[in-house]
Amino acid sequence: VGICFGHQMIGQALGGRVERWPLGWGVGIH
């Protein structure tokens, strides 16, 4: 189970792509 960076690490390590999000920072409760 990967959380935030861990989630992105799963995506990258298993063949996906991670990038700086064009909509900017995600902060607060969504």
mmCIF file of all heavy atoms, coordinates in Angstrom:
data_MODEL
# 
_entry.id   MODEL 
# 
loop_
_atom_site.group_PDB 
_atom_site.id 
_atom_site.type_symbol 
_atom_site.label_atom_id 
_atom_site.label_alt_id 
_atom_site.label_comp_id 
_atom_site.label_asym_id 
_atom_site.label_entity_id 
_atom_site.label_seq_id 
_atom_site.pdbx_PDB_ins_code 
_atom_site.Cartn_x 
_atom_site.Cartn_y 
_atom_site.Cartn_z 
_atom_site.occupancy 
_atom_site.B_iso_or_equiv 
_atom_site.pdbx_formal_charge 
_atom_site.auth_seq_id 
_atom_site.auth_comp_id 
_atom_site.auth_asym_id 
_atom_site.auth_atom_id 
_atom_site.pdbx_PDB_model_num 
ATOM 1   N N   . VAL A 1 1  ? 0.867   -1.183 0.000   1.00 0.00 ? 1  VAL A N   1 
ATOM 2   C CA  . VAL A 1 1  ? 0.000   0.000  0.000   1.00 0.00 ? 1  VAL A CA  1 
ATOM 3   C C   . VAL A 1 1  ? 0.900   1.228  0.000   1.00 0.00 ? 1  VAL A C   1 
ATOM 4   O O   . VAL A 1 1  ? 1.749   1.388  0.879   1.00 0.00 ? 1  VAL A O   1 
ATOM 5   C CB  . VAL A 1 1  ? -0.927  0.041  1.233   1.00 0.00 ? 1  VAL A CB  1 
ATOM 6   C CG1 . VAL A 1 1  ? -1.779  1.307  1.212   1.00 0.00 ? 1  VAL A CG1 1 
ATOM 7   C CG2 . VAL A 1 1  ? -1.807  -1.206 1.276   1.00 0.00 ? 1  VAL A CG2 1 
ATOM 8   N N   . GLY A 1 2  ? 0.735   2.090  -0.997  1.00 0.00 ? 2  GLY A N   1 
ATOM 9   C CA  . GLY A 1 2  ? 1.522   3.317  -1.084  1.00 0.00 ? 2  GLY A CA  1 
ATOM 10  C C   . GLY A 1 2  ? 0.646   4.531  -0.880  1.00 0.00 ? 2  GLY A C   1 
ATOM 11  O O   . GLY A 1 2  ? -0.458  4.614  -1.441  1.00 0.00 ? 2  GLY A O   1 
ATOM 12  N N   . ILE A 1 3  ? 1.132   5.476  -0.070  1.00 0.00 ? 3  ILE A N   1 
ATOM 13  C CA  . ILE A 1 3  ? 0.395   6.697  0.228   1.00 0.00 ? 3  ILE A CA  1 
ATOM 14  C C   . ILE A 1 3  ? 1.155   7.898  -0.338  1.00 0.00 ? 3  ILE A C   1 
ATOM 15  O O   . ILE A 1 3  ? 2.339   8.071  -0.056  1.00 0.00 ? 3  ILE A O   1 
ATOM 16  C CB  . ILE A 1 3  ? 0.211   6.882  1.746   1.00 0.00 ? 3  ILE A CB  1 
ATOM 17  C CG1 . ILE A 1 3  ? -0.452  5.659  2.382   1.00 0.00 ? 3  ILE A CG1 1 
ATOM 18  C CG2 . ILE A 1 3  ? -0.580  8.155  2.039   1.00 0.00 ? 3  ILE A CG2 1 
ATOM 19  C CD1 . ILE A 1 3  ? -1.856  5.376  1.917   1.00 0.00 ? 3  ILE A CD1 1 
ATOM 20  N N   . CYS A 1 4  ? 0.481   8.738  -1.119  1.00 0.00 ? 4  CYS A N   1 
ATOM 21  C CA  . CYS A 1 4  ? 1.041   9.960  -1.710  1.00 0.00 ? 4  CYS A CA  1 
ATOM 22  C C   . CYS A 1 4  ? 2.315   9.641  -2.502  1.00 0.00 ? 4  CYS A C   1 
ATOM 23  O O   . CYS A 1 4  ? 2.226   9.073  -3.575  1.00 0.00 ? 4  CYS A O   1 
ATOM 24  C CB  . CYS A 1 4  ? 1.266   11.025 -0.637  1.00 0.00 ? 4  CYS A CB  1 
ATOM 25  S SG  . CYS A 1 4  ? 1.541   12.684 -1.318  1.00 0.00 ? 4  CYS A SG  1 
ATOM 26  N N   . PHE A 1 5  ? 3.490   9.983  -1.979  1.00 0.00 ? 5  PHE A N   1 
ATOM 27  C CA  . PHE A 1 5  ? 4.739   9.613  -2.657  1.00 0.00 ? 5  PHE A CA  1 
ATOM 28  C C   . PHE A 1 5  ? 4.777   8.106  -2.906  1.00 0.00 ? 5  PHE A C   1 
ATOM 29  O O   . PHE A 1 5  ? 5.221   7.653  -3.972  1.00 0.00 ? 5  PHE A O   1 
ATOM 30  C CB  . PHE A 1 5  ? 5.932   10.041 -1.796  1.00 0.00 ? 5  PHE A CB  1 
ATOM 31  C CG  . PHE A 1 5  ? 7.260   9.549  -2.285  1.00 0.00 ? 5  PHE A CG  1 
ATOM 32  C CD1 . PHE A 1 5  ? 8.021   10.306 -3.160  1.00 0.00 ? 5  PHE A CD1 1 
ATOM 33  C CD2 . PHE A 1 5  ? 7.769   8.333  -1.841  1.00 0.00 ? 5  PHE A CD2 1 
ATOM 34  C CE1 . PHE A 1 5  ? 9.252   9.843  -3.615  1.00 0.00 ? 5  PHE A CE1 1 
ATOM 35  C CE2 . PHE A 1 5  ? 8.995   7.867  -2.280  1.00 0.00 ? 5  PHE A CE2 1 
ATOM 36  C CZ  . PHE A 1 5  ? 9.742   8.625  -3.169  1.00 0.00 ? 5  PHE A CZ  1 
ATOM 37  N N   . GLY A 1 6  ? 4.309   7.320  -1.928  1.00 0.00 ? 6  GLY A N   1 
ATOM 38  C CA  . GLY A 1 6  ? 4.292   5.874  -2.105  1.00 0.00 ? 6  GLY A CA  1 
ATOM 39  C C   . GLY A 1 6  ? 3.369   5.437  -3.231  1.00 0.00 ? 6  GLY A C   1 
ATOM 40  O O   . GLY A 1 6  ? 3.680   4.500  -3.979  1.00 0.00 ? 6  GLY A O   1 
ATOM 41  N N   . HIS A 1 7  ? 2.238   6.089  -3.344  1.00 0.00 ? 7  HIS A N   1 
ATOM 42  C CA  . HIS A 1 7  ? 1.290   5.861  -4.453  1.00 0.00 ? 7  HIS A CA  1 
ATOM 43  C C   . HIS A 1 7  ? 1.958   6.179  -5.785  1.00 0.00 ? 7  HIS A C   1 
ATOM 44  O O   . HIS A 1 7  ? 1.879   5.400  -6.746  1.00 0.00 ? 7  HIS A O   1 
ATOM 45  C CB  . HIS A 1 7  ? 0.076   6.761  -4.195  1.00 0.00 ? 7  HIS A CB  1 
ATOM 46  C CG  . HIS A 1 7  ? -0.861  6.959  -5.331  1.00 0.00 ? 7  HIS A CG  1 
ATOM 47  N ND1 . HIS A 1 7  ? -1.831  6.058  -5.680  1.00 0.00 ? 7  HIS A ND1 1 
ATOM 48  C CD2 . HIS A 1 7  ? -1.013  8.014  -6.188  1.00 0.00 ? 7  HIS A CD2 1 
ATOM 49  C CE1 . HIS A 1 7  ? -2.545  6.526  -6.689  1.00 0.00 ? 7  HIS A CE1 1 
ATOM 50  N NE2 . HIS A 1 7  ? -2.066  7.709  -7.022  1.00 0.00 ? 7  HIS A NE2 1 
ATOM 51  N N   . GLN A 1 8  ? 2.647   7.299  -5.837  1.00 0.00 ? 8  GLN A N   1 
ATOM 52  C CA  . GLN A 1 8  ? 3.340   7.696  -7.061  1.00 0.00 ? 8  GLN A CA  1 
ATOM 53  C C   . GLN A 1 8  ? 4.504   6.764  -7.382  1.00 0.00 ? 8  GLN A C   1 
ATOM 54  O O   . GLN A 1 8  ? 4.768   6.463  -8.549  1.00 0.00 ? 8  GLN A O   1 
ATOM 55  C CB  . GLN A 1 8  ? 3.813   9.137  -6.930  1.00 0.00 ? 8  GLN A CB  1 
ATOM 56  C CG  . GLN A 1 8  ? 2.686   10.141 -6.788  1.00 0.00 ? 8  GLN A CG  1 
ATOM 57  C CD  . GLN A 1 8  ? 3.115   11.444 -6.154  1.00 0.00 ? 8  GLN A CD  1 
ATOM 58  O OE1 . GLN A 1 8  ? 4.304   11.739 -6.062  1.00 0.00 ? 8  GLN A OE1 1 
ATOM 59  N NE2 . GLN A 1 8  ? 2.158   12.225 -5.687  1.00 0.00 ? 8  GLN A NE2 1 
ATOM 60  N N   . MET A 1 9  ? 5.201   6.288  -6.334  1.00 0.00 ? 9  MET A N   1 
ATOM 61  C CA  . MET A 1 9  ? 6.287   5.343  -6.540  1.00 0.00 ? 9  MET A CA  1 
ATOM 62  C C   . MET A 1 9  ? 5.776   4.048  -7.156  1.00 0.00 ? 9  MET A C   1 
ATOM 63  O O   . MET A 1 9  ? 6.403   3.473  -8.055  1.00 0.00 ? 9  MET A O   1 
ATOM 64  C CB  . MET A 1 9  ? 6.994   5.076  -5.206  1.00 0.00 ? 9  MET A CB  1 
ATOM 65  C CG  . MET A 1 9  ? 8.065   3.986  -5.258  1.00 0.00 ? 9  MET A CG  1 
ATOM 66  S SD  . MET A 1 9  ? 9.333   4.250  -6.535  1.00 0.00 ? 9  MET A SD  1 
ATOM 67  C CE  . MET A 1 9  ? 10.100  5.756  -5.943  1.00 0.00 ? 9  MET A CE  1 
ATOM 68  N N   . ILE A 1 10 ? 4.633   3.570  -6.675  1.00 0.00 ? 10 ILE A N   1 
ATOM 69  C CA  . ILE A 1 10 ? 4.011   2.395  -7.278  1.00 0.00 ? 10 ILE A CA  1 
ATOM 70  C C   . ILE A 1 10 ? 3.742   2.648  -8.758  1.00 0.00 ? 10 ILE A C   1 
ATOM 71  O O   . ILE A 1 10 ? 4.042   1.814  -9.611  1.00 0.00 ? 10 ILE A O   1 
ATOM 72  C CB  . ILE A 1 10 ? 2.715   2.035  -6.525  1.00 0.00 ? 10 ILE A CB  1 
ATOM 73  C CG1 . ILE A 1 10 ? 3.040   1.405  -5.169  1.00 0.00 ? 10 ILE A CG1 1 
ATOM 74  C CG2 . ILE A 1 10 ? 1.823   1.107  -7.353  1.00 0.00 ? 10 ILE A CG2 1 
ATOM 75  C CD1 . ILE A 1 10 ? 1.843   1.255  -4.249  1.00 0.00 ? 10 ILE A CD1 1 
ATOM 76  N N   . GLY A 1 11 ? 3.154   3.823  -9.051  1.00 0.00 ? 11 GLY A N   1 
ATOM 77  C CA  . GLY A 1 11 ? 2.847   4.145  -10.438 1.00 0.00 ? 11 GLY A CA  1 
ATOM 78  C C   . GLY A 1 11 ? 4.084   4.144  -11.313 1.00 0.00 ? 11 GLY A C   1 
ATOM 79  O O   . GLY A 1 11 ? 4.096   3.551  -12.405 1.00 0.00 ? 11 GLY A O   1 
ATOM 80  N N   . GLN A 1 12 ? 5.147   4.796  -10.859 1.00 0.00 ? 12 GLN A N   1 
ATOM 81  C CA  . GLN A 1 12 ? 6.368   4.892  -11.662 1.00 0.00 ? 12 GLN A CA  1 
ATOM 82  C C   . GLN A 1 12 ? 7.082   3.551  -11.774 1.00 0.00 ? 12 GLN A C   1 
ATOM 83  O O   . GLN A 1 12 ? 7.497   3.145  -12.867 1.00 0.00 ? 12 GLN A O   1 
ATOM 84  C CB  . GLN A 1 12 ? 7.302   5.928  -11.041 1.00 0.00 ? 12 GLN A CB  1 
ATOM 85  C CG  . GLN A 1 12 ? 8.649   6.057  -11.759 1.00 0.00 ? 12 GLN A CG  1 
ATOM 86  C CD  . GLN A 1 12 ? 9.442   7.246  -11.256 1.00 0.00 ? 12 GLN A CD  1 
ATOM 87  O OE1 . GLN A 1 12 ? 9.096   8.390  -11.540 1.00 0.00 ? 12 GLN A OE1 1 
ATOM 88  N NE2 . GLN A 1 12 ? 10.495  6.987  -10.507 1.00 0.00 ? 12 GLN A NE2 1 
ATOM 89  N N   . ALA A 1 13 ? 7.234   2.839  -10.651 1.00 0.00 ? 13 ALA A N   1 
ATOM 90  C CA  . ALA A 1 13 ? 7.990   1.587  -10.651 1.00 0.00 ? 13 ALA A CA  1 
ATOM 91  C C   . ALA A 1 13 ? 7.330   0.517  -11.511 1.00 0.00 ? 13 ALA A C   1 
ATOM 92  O O   . ALA A 1 13 ? 8.028   -0.336 -12.085 1.00 0.00 ? 13 ALA A O   1 
ATOM 93  C CB  . ALA A 1 13 ? 8.142   1.073  -9.223  1.00 0.00 ? 13 ALA A CB  1 
ATOM 94  N N   . LEU A 1 14 ? 6.004   0.558  -11.619 1.00 0.00 ? 14 LEU A N   1 
ATOM 95  C CA  . LEU A 1 14 ? 5.290   -0.484 -12.354 1.00 0.00 ? 14 LEU A CA  1 
ATOM 96  C C   . LEU A 1 14 ? 4.921   -0.062 -13.774 1.00 0.00 ? 14 LEU A C   1 
ATOM 97  O O   . LEU A 1 14 ? 4.112   -0.720 -14.419 1.00 0.00 ? 14 LEU A O   1 
ATOM 98  C CB  . LEU A 1 14 ? 4.050   -0.907 -11.568 1.00 0.00 ? 14 LEU A CB  1 
ATOM 99  C CG  . LEU A 1 14 ? 4.347   -1.507 -10.178 1.00 0.00 ? 14 LEU A CG  1 
ATOM 100 C CD1 . LEU A 1 14 ? 3.064   -1.977 -9.509  1.00 0.00 ? 14 LEU A CD1 1 
ATOM 101 C CD2 . LEU A 1 14 ? 5.349   -2.655 -10.269 1.00 0.00 ? 14 LEU A CD2 1 
ATOM 102 N N   . GLY A 1 15 ? 5.532   1.025  -14.246 1.00 0.00 ? 15 GLY A N   1 
ATOM 103 C CA  . GLY A 1 15 ? 5.405   1.354  -15.668 1.00 0.00 ? 15 GLY A CA  1 
ATOM 104 C C   . GLY A 1 15 ? 4.565   2.547  -16.019 1.00 0.00 ? 15 GLY A C   1 
ATOM 105 O O   . GLY A 1 15 ? 4.331   2.815  -17.193 1.00 0.00 ? 15 GLY A O   1 
ATOM 106 N N   . GLY A 1 16 ? 4.104   3.309  -15.024 1.00 0.00 ? 16 GLY A N   1 
ATOM 107 C CA  . GLY A 1 16 ? 3.340   4.517  -15.304 1.00 0.00 ? 16 GLY A CA  1 
ATOM 108 C C   . GLY A 1 16 ? 4.231   5.744  -15.341 1.00 0.00 ? 16 GLY A C   1 
ATOM 109 O O   . GLY A 1 16 ? 5.461   5.639  -15.427 1.00 0.00 ? 16 GLY A O   1 
ATOM 110 N N   . ARG A 1 17 ? 3.604   6.914  -15.258 1.00 0.00 ? 17 ARG A N   1 
ATOM 111 C CA  . ARG A 1 17 ? 4.349   8.168  -15.307 1.00 0.00 ? 17 ARG A CA  1 
ATOM 112 C C   . ARG A 1 17 ? 3.831   9.115  -14.233 1.00 0.00 ? 17 ARG A C   1 
ATOM 113 O O   . ARG A 1 17 ? 2.615   9.228  -14.024 1.00 0.00 ? 17 ARG A O   1 
ATOM 114 C CB  . ARG A 1 17 ? 4.215   8.816  -16.693 1.00 0.00 ? 17 ARG A CB  1 
ATOM 115 C CG  . ARG A 1 17 ? 5.066   10.076 -16.874 1.00 0.00 ? 17 ARG A CG  1 
ATOM 116 C CD  . ARG A 1 17 ? 4.964   10.595 -18.302 1.00 0.00 ? 17 ARG A CD  1 
ATOM 117 N NE  . ARG A 1 17 ? 5.763   11.796 -18.500 1.00 0.00 ? 17 ARG A NE  1 
ATOM 118 C CZ  . ARG A 1 17 ? 7.066   11.813 -18.769 1.00 0.00 ? 17 ARG A CZ  1 
ATOM 119 N NH1 . ARG A 1 17 ? 7.711   10.656 -18.867 1.00 0.00 ? 17 ARG A NH1 1 
ATOM 120 N NH2 . ARG A 1 17 ? 7.719   12.940 -18.941 1.00 0.00 ? 17 ARG A NH2 1 
ATOM 121 N N   . VAL A 1 18 ? 4.754   9.799  -13.577 1.00 0.00 ? 18 VAL A N   1 
ATOM 122 C CA  . VAL A 1 18 ? 4.416   10.781 -12.540 1.00 0.00 ? 18 VAL A CA  1 
ATOM 123 C C   . VAL A 1 18 ? 5.019   12.119 -12.946 1.00 0.00 ? 18 VAL A C   1 
ATOM 124 O O   . VAL A 1 18 ? 6.173   12.193 -13.368 1.00 0.00 ? 18 VAL A O   1 
ATOM 125 C CB  . VAL A 1 18 ? 4.973   10.346 -11.168 1.00 0.00 ? 18 VAL A CB  1 
ATOM 126 C CG1 . VAL A 1 18 ? 4.706   11.419 -10.121 1.00 0.00 ? 18 VAL A CG1 1 
ATOM 127 C CG2 . VAL A 1 18 ? 4.358   9.013  -10.745 1.00 0.00 ? 18 VAL A CG2 1 
ATOM 128 N N   . GLU A 1 19 ? 4.221   13.189 -12.806 1.00 0.00 ? 19 GLU A N   1 
ATOM 129 C CA  . GLU A 1 19 ? 4.685   14.521 -13.202 1.00 0.00 ? 19 GLU A CA  1 
ATOM 130 C C   . GLU A 1 19 ? 4.150   15.569 -12.234 1.00 0.00 ? 19 GLU A C   1 
ATOM 131 O O   . GLU A 1 19 ? 3.215   15.309 -11.465 1.00 0.00 ? 19 GLU A O   1 
ATOM 132 C CB  . GLU A 1 19 ? 4.206   14.852 -14.617 1.00 0.00 ? 19 GLU A CB  1 
ATOM 133 C CG  . GLU A 1 19 ? 4.760   13.932 -15.693 1.00 0.00 ? 19 GLU A CG  1 
ATOM 134 C CD  . GLU A 1 19 ? 4.164   14.238 -17.054 1.00 0.00 ? 19 GLU A CD  1 
ATOM 135 O OE1 . GLU A 1 19 ? 2.999   13.852 -17.300 1.00 0.00 ? 19 GLU A OE1 1 
ATOM 136 O OE2 . GLU A 1 19 ? 4.872   14.883 -17.862 1.00 0.00 ? 19 GLU A OE2 1 
ATOM 137 N N   . ARG A 1 20 ? 4.740   16.752 -12.292 1.00 0.00 ? 20 ARG A N   1 
ATOM 138 C CA  . ARG A 1 20 ? 4.193   17.885 -11.557 1.00 0.00 ? 20 ARG A CA  1 
ATOM 139 C C   . ARG A 1 20 ? 2.800   18.185 -12.095 1.00 0.00 ? 20 ARG A C   1 
ATOM 140 O O   . ARG A 1 20 ? 2.602   18.331 -13.299 1.00 0.00 ? 20 ARG A O   1 
ATOM 141 C CB  . ARG A 1 20 ? 5.118   19.094 -11.734 1.00 0.00 ? 20 ARG A CB  1 
ATOM 142 C CG  . ARG A 1 20 ? 4.796   20.317 -10.885 1.00 0.00 ? 20 ARG A CG  1 
ATOM 143 C CD  . ARG A 1 20 ? 4.853   20.052 -9.406  1.00 0.00 ? 20 ARG A CD  1 
ATOM 144 N NE  . ARG A 1 20 ? 6.078   19.443 -8.915  1.00 0.00 ? 20 ARG A NE  1 
ATOM 145 C CZ  . ARG A 1 20 ? 7.177   20.095 -8.533  1.00 0.00 ? 20 ARG A CZ  1 
ATOM 146 N NH1 . ARG A 1 20 ? 7.213   21.421 -8.609  1.00 0.00 ? 20 ARG A NH1 1 
ATOM 147 N NH2 . ARG A 1 20 ? 8.227   19.447 -8.083  1.00 0.00 ? 20 ARG A NH2 1 
ATOM 148 N N   . TRP A 1 21 ? 1.813   18.276 -11.198 1.00 0.00 ? 21 TRP A N   1 
ATOM 149 C CA  . TRP A 1 21 ? 0.419   18.391 -11.608 1.00 0.00 ? 21 TRP A CA  1 
ATOM 150 C C   . TRP A 1 21 ? 0.141   19.796 -12.128 1.00 0.00 ? 21 TRP A C   1 
ATOM 151 O O   . TRP A 1 21 ? 0.435   20.782 -11.445 1.00 0.00 ? 21 TRP A O   1 
ATOM 152 C CB  . TRP A 1 21 ? -0.482  18.056 -10.428 1.00 0.00 ? 21 TRP A CB  1 
ATOM 153 C CG  . TRP A 1 21 ? -1.910  17.808 -10.782 1.00 0.00 ? 21 TRP A CG  1 
ATOM 154 C CD1 . TRP A 1 21 ? -3.003  18.474 -10.322 1.00 0.00 ? 21 TRP A CD1 1 
ATOM 155 C CD2 . TRP A 1 21 ? -2.413  16.803 -11.660 1.00 0.00 ? 21 TRP A CD2 1 
ATOM 156 N NE1 . TRP A 1 21 ? -4.155  17.956 -10.851 1.00 0.00 ? 21 TRP A NE1 1 
ATOM 157 C CE2 . TRP A 1 21 ? -3.814  16.919 -11.684 1.00 0.00 ? 21 TRP A CE2 1 
ATOM 158 C CE3 . TRP A 1 21 ? -1.807  15.802 -12.434 1.00 0.00 ? 21 TRP A CE3 1 
ATOM 159 C CZ2 . TRP A 1 21 ? -4.628  16.084 -12.454 1.00 0.00 ? 21 TRP A CZ2 1 
ATOM 160 C CZ3 . TRP A 1 21 ? -2.603  14.975 -13.197 1.00 0.00 ? 21 TRP A CZ3 1 
ATOM 161 C CH2 . TRP A 1 21 ? -3.996  15.122 -13.201 1.00 0.00 ? 21 TRP A CH2 1 
ATOM 162 N N   . PRO A 1 22 ? -0.433  19.928 -13.330 1.00 0.00 ? 22 PRO A N   1 
ATOM 163 C CA  . PRO A 1 22 ? -0.635  21.260 -13.915 1.00 0.00 ? 22 PRO A CA  1 
ATOM 164 C C   . PRO A 1 22 ? -1.622  22.143 -13.155 1.00 0.00 ? 22 PRO A C   1 
ATOM 165 O O   . PRO A 1 22 ? -1.577  23.364 -13.292 1.00 0.00 ? 22 PRO A O   1 
ATOM 166 C CB  . PRO A 1 22 ? -1.142  20.947 -15.329 1.00 0.00 ? 22 PRO A CB  1 
ATOM 167 C CG  . PRO A 1 22 ? -1.667  19.553 -15.273 1.00 0.00 ? 22 PRO A CG  1 
ATOM 168 C CD  . PRO A 1 22 ? -0.817  18.853 -14.270 1.00 0.00 ? 22 PRO A CD  1 
ATOM 169 N N   . LEU A 1 23 ? -2.493  21.556 -12.346 1.00 0.00 ? 23 LEU A N   1 
ATOM 170 C CA  . LEU A 1 23 ? -3.456  22.352 -11.578 1.00 0.00 ? 23 LEU A CA  1 
ATOM 171 C C   . LEU A 1 23 ? -2.871  22.868 -10.273 1.00 0.00 ? 23 LEU A C   1 
ATOM 172 O O   . LEU A 1 23 ? -3.559  23.532 -9.506  1.00 0.00 ? 23 LEU A O   1 
ATOM 173 C CB  . LEU A 1 23 ? -4.715  21.533 -11.301 1.00 0.00 ? 23 LEU A CB  1 
ATOM 174 C CG  . LEU A 1 23 ? -5.525  21.107 -12.531 1.00 0.00 ? 23 LEU A CG  1 
ATOM 175 C CD1 . LEU A 1 23 ? -6.752  20.319 -12.119 1.00 0.00 ? 23 LEU A CD1 1 
ATOM 176 C CD2 . LEU A 1 23 ? -5.925  22.317 -13.369 1.00 0.00 ? 23 LEU A CD2 1 
ATOM 177 N N   . GLY A 1 24 ? -1.602  22.572 -10.005 1.00 0.00 ? 24 GLY A N   1 
ATOM 178 C CA  . GLY A 1 24 ? -0.938  23.114 -8.828  1.00 0.00 ? 24 GLY A CA  1 
ATOM 179 C C   . GLY A 1 24 ? -1.051  22.218 -7.606  1.00 0.00 ? 24 GLY A C   1 
ATOM 180 O O   . GLY A 1 24 ? -1.358  21.027 -7.692  1.00 0.00 ? 24 GLY A O   1 
ATOM 181 N N   . TRP A 1 25 ? -0.798  22.831 -6.456  1.00 0.00 ? 25 TRP A N   1 
ATOM 182 C CA  . TRP A 1 25 ? -0.796  22.117 -5.190  1.00 0.00 ? 25 TRP A CA  1 
ATOM 183 C C   . TRP A 1 25 ? -2.174  21.552 -4.862  1.00 0.00 ? 25 TRP A C   1 
ATOM 184 O O   . TRP A 1 25 ? -3.194  22.233 -5.025  1.00 0.00 ? 25 TRP A O   1 
ATOM 185 C CB  . TRP A 1 25 ? -0.399  23.059 -4.061  1.00 0.00 ? 25 TRP A CB  1 
ATOM 186 C CG  . TRP A 1 25 ? 1.072   23.211 -3.861  1.00 0.00 ? 25 TRP A CG  1 
ATOM 187 C CD1 . TRP A 1 25 ? 1.895   24.138 -4.418  1.00 0.00 ? 25 TRP A CD1 1 
ATOM 188 C CD2 . TRP A 1 25 ? 1.911   22.412 -3.022  1.00 0.00 ? 25 TRP A CD2 1 
ATOM 189 N NE1 . TRP A 1 25 ? 3.189   23.972 -3.988  1.00 0.00 ? 25 TRP A NE1 1 
ATOM 190 C CE2 . TRP A 1 25 ? 3.221   22.921 -3.121  1.00 0.00 ? 25 TRP A CE2 1 
ATOM 191 C CE3 . TRP A 1 25 ? 1.678   21.317 -2.175  1.00 0.00 ? 25 TRP A CE3 1 
ATOM 192 C CZ2 . TRP A 1 25 ? 4.301   22.366 -2.421  1.00 0.00 ? 25 TRP A CZ2 1 
ATOM 193 C CZ3 . TRP A 1 25 ? 2.742   20.770 -1.482  1.00 0.00 ? 25 TRP A CZ3 1 
ATOM 194 C CH2 . TRP A 1 25 ? 4.028   21.291 -1.610  1.00 0.00 ? 25 TRP A CH2 1 
ATOM 195 N N   . GLY A 1 26 ? -2.180  20.333 -4.359  1.00 0.00 ? 26 GLY A N   1 
ATOM 196 C CA  . GLY A 1 26 ? -3.371  19.768 -3.748  1.00 0.00 ? 26 GLY A CA  1 
ATOM 197 C C   . GLY A 1 26 ? -3.204  19.836 -2.240  1.00 0.00 ? 26 GLY A C   1 
ATOM 198 O O   . GLY A 1 26 ? -2.307  19.193 -1.682  1.00 0.00 ? 26 GLY A O   1 
ATOM 199 N N   . VAL A 1 27 ? -4.012  20.631 -1.564  1.00 0.00 ? 27 VAL A N   1 
ATOM 200 C CA  . VAL A 1 27 ? -3.908  20.810 -0.113  1.00 0.00 ? 27 VAL A CA  1 
ATOM 201 C C   . VAL A 1 27 ? -5.311  20.870 0.489   1.00 0.00 ? 27 VAL A C   1 
ATOM 202 O O   . VAL A 1 27 ? -6.285  21.184 -0.194  1.00 0.00 ? 27 VAL A O   1 
ATOM 203 C CB  . VAL A 1 27 ? -3.119  22.095 0.258   1.00 0.00 ? 27 VAL A CB  1 
ATOM 204 C CG1 . VAL A 1 27 ? -1.629  21.903 0.051   1.00 0.00 ? 27 VAL A CG1 1 
ATOM 205 C CG2 . VAL A 1 27 ? -3.607  23.298 -0.546  1.00 0.00 ? 27 VAL A CG2 1 
ATOM 206 N N   . GLY A 1 28 ? -5.388  20.585 1.777   1.00 0.00 ? 28 GLY A N   1 
ATOM 207 C CA  . GLY A 1 28 ? -6.677  20.604 2.451   1.00 0.00 ? 28 GLY A CA  1 
ATOM 208 C C   . GLY A 1 28 ? -7.421  19.293 2.303   1.00 0.00 ? 28 GLY A C   1 
ATOM 209 O O   . GLY A 1 28 ? -6.904  18.305 1.766   1.00 0.00 ? 28 GLY A O   1 
ATOM 210 N N   . ILE A 1 29 ? -8.658  19.278 2.768   1.00 0.00 ? 29 ILE A N   1 
ATOM 211 C CA  . ILE A 1 29 ? -9.489  18.080 2.708   1.00 0.00 ? 29 ILE A CA  1 
ATOM 212 C C   . ILE A 1 29 ? -10.285 18.094 1.409   1.00 0.00 ? 29 ILE A C   1 
ATOM 213 O O   . ILE A 1 29 ? -11.022 19.038 1.131   1.00 0.00 ? 29 ILE A O   1 
ATOM 214 C CB  . ILE A 1 29 ? -10.429 18.006 3.922   1.00 0.00 ? 29 ILE A CB  1 
ATOM 215 C CG1 . ILE A 1 29 ? -9.602  17.906 5.216   1.00 0.00 ? 29 ILE A CG1 1 
ATOM 216 C CG2 . ILE A 1 29 ? -11.371 16.805 3.805   1.00 0.00 ? 29 ILE A CG2 1 
ATOM 217 C CD1 . ILE A 1 29 ? -10.426 17.958 6.481   1.00 0.00 ? 29 ILE A CD1 1 
ATOM 218 N N   . HIS A 1 30 ? -10.112 17.042 0.619   1.00 0.00 ? 30 HIS A N   1 
ATOM 219 C CA  . HIS A 1 30 ? -10.789 16.916 -0.676  1.00 0.00 ? 30 HIS A CA  1 
ATOM 220 C C   . HIS A 1 30 ? -11.820 15.795 -0.619  1.00 0.00 ? 30 HIS A C   1 
ATOM 221 O O   . HIS A 1 30 ? -11.699 14.856 0.162   1.00 0.00 ? 30 HIS A O   1 
ATOM 222 C CB  . HIS A 1 30 ? -9.776  16.606 -1.785  1.00 0.00 ? 30 HIS A CB  1 
ATOM 223 C CG  . HIS A 1 30 ? -8.944  17.775 -2.184  1.00 0.00 ? 30 HIS A CG  1 
ATOM 224 N ND1 . HIS A 1 30 ? -8.830  18.203 -3.489  1.00 0.00 ? 30 HIS A ND1 1 
ATOM 225 C CD2 . HIS A 1 30 ? -8.167  18.612 -1.454  1.00 0.00 ? 30 HIS A CD2 1 
ATOM 226 C CE1 . HIS A 1 30 ? -8.021  19.246 -3.552  1.00 0.00 ? 30 HIS A CE1 1 
ATOM 227 N NE2 . HIS A 1 30 ? -7.603  19.508 -2.330  1.00 0.00 ? 30 HIS A NE2 1 
# 
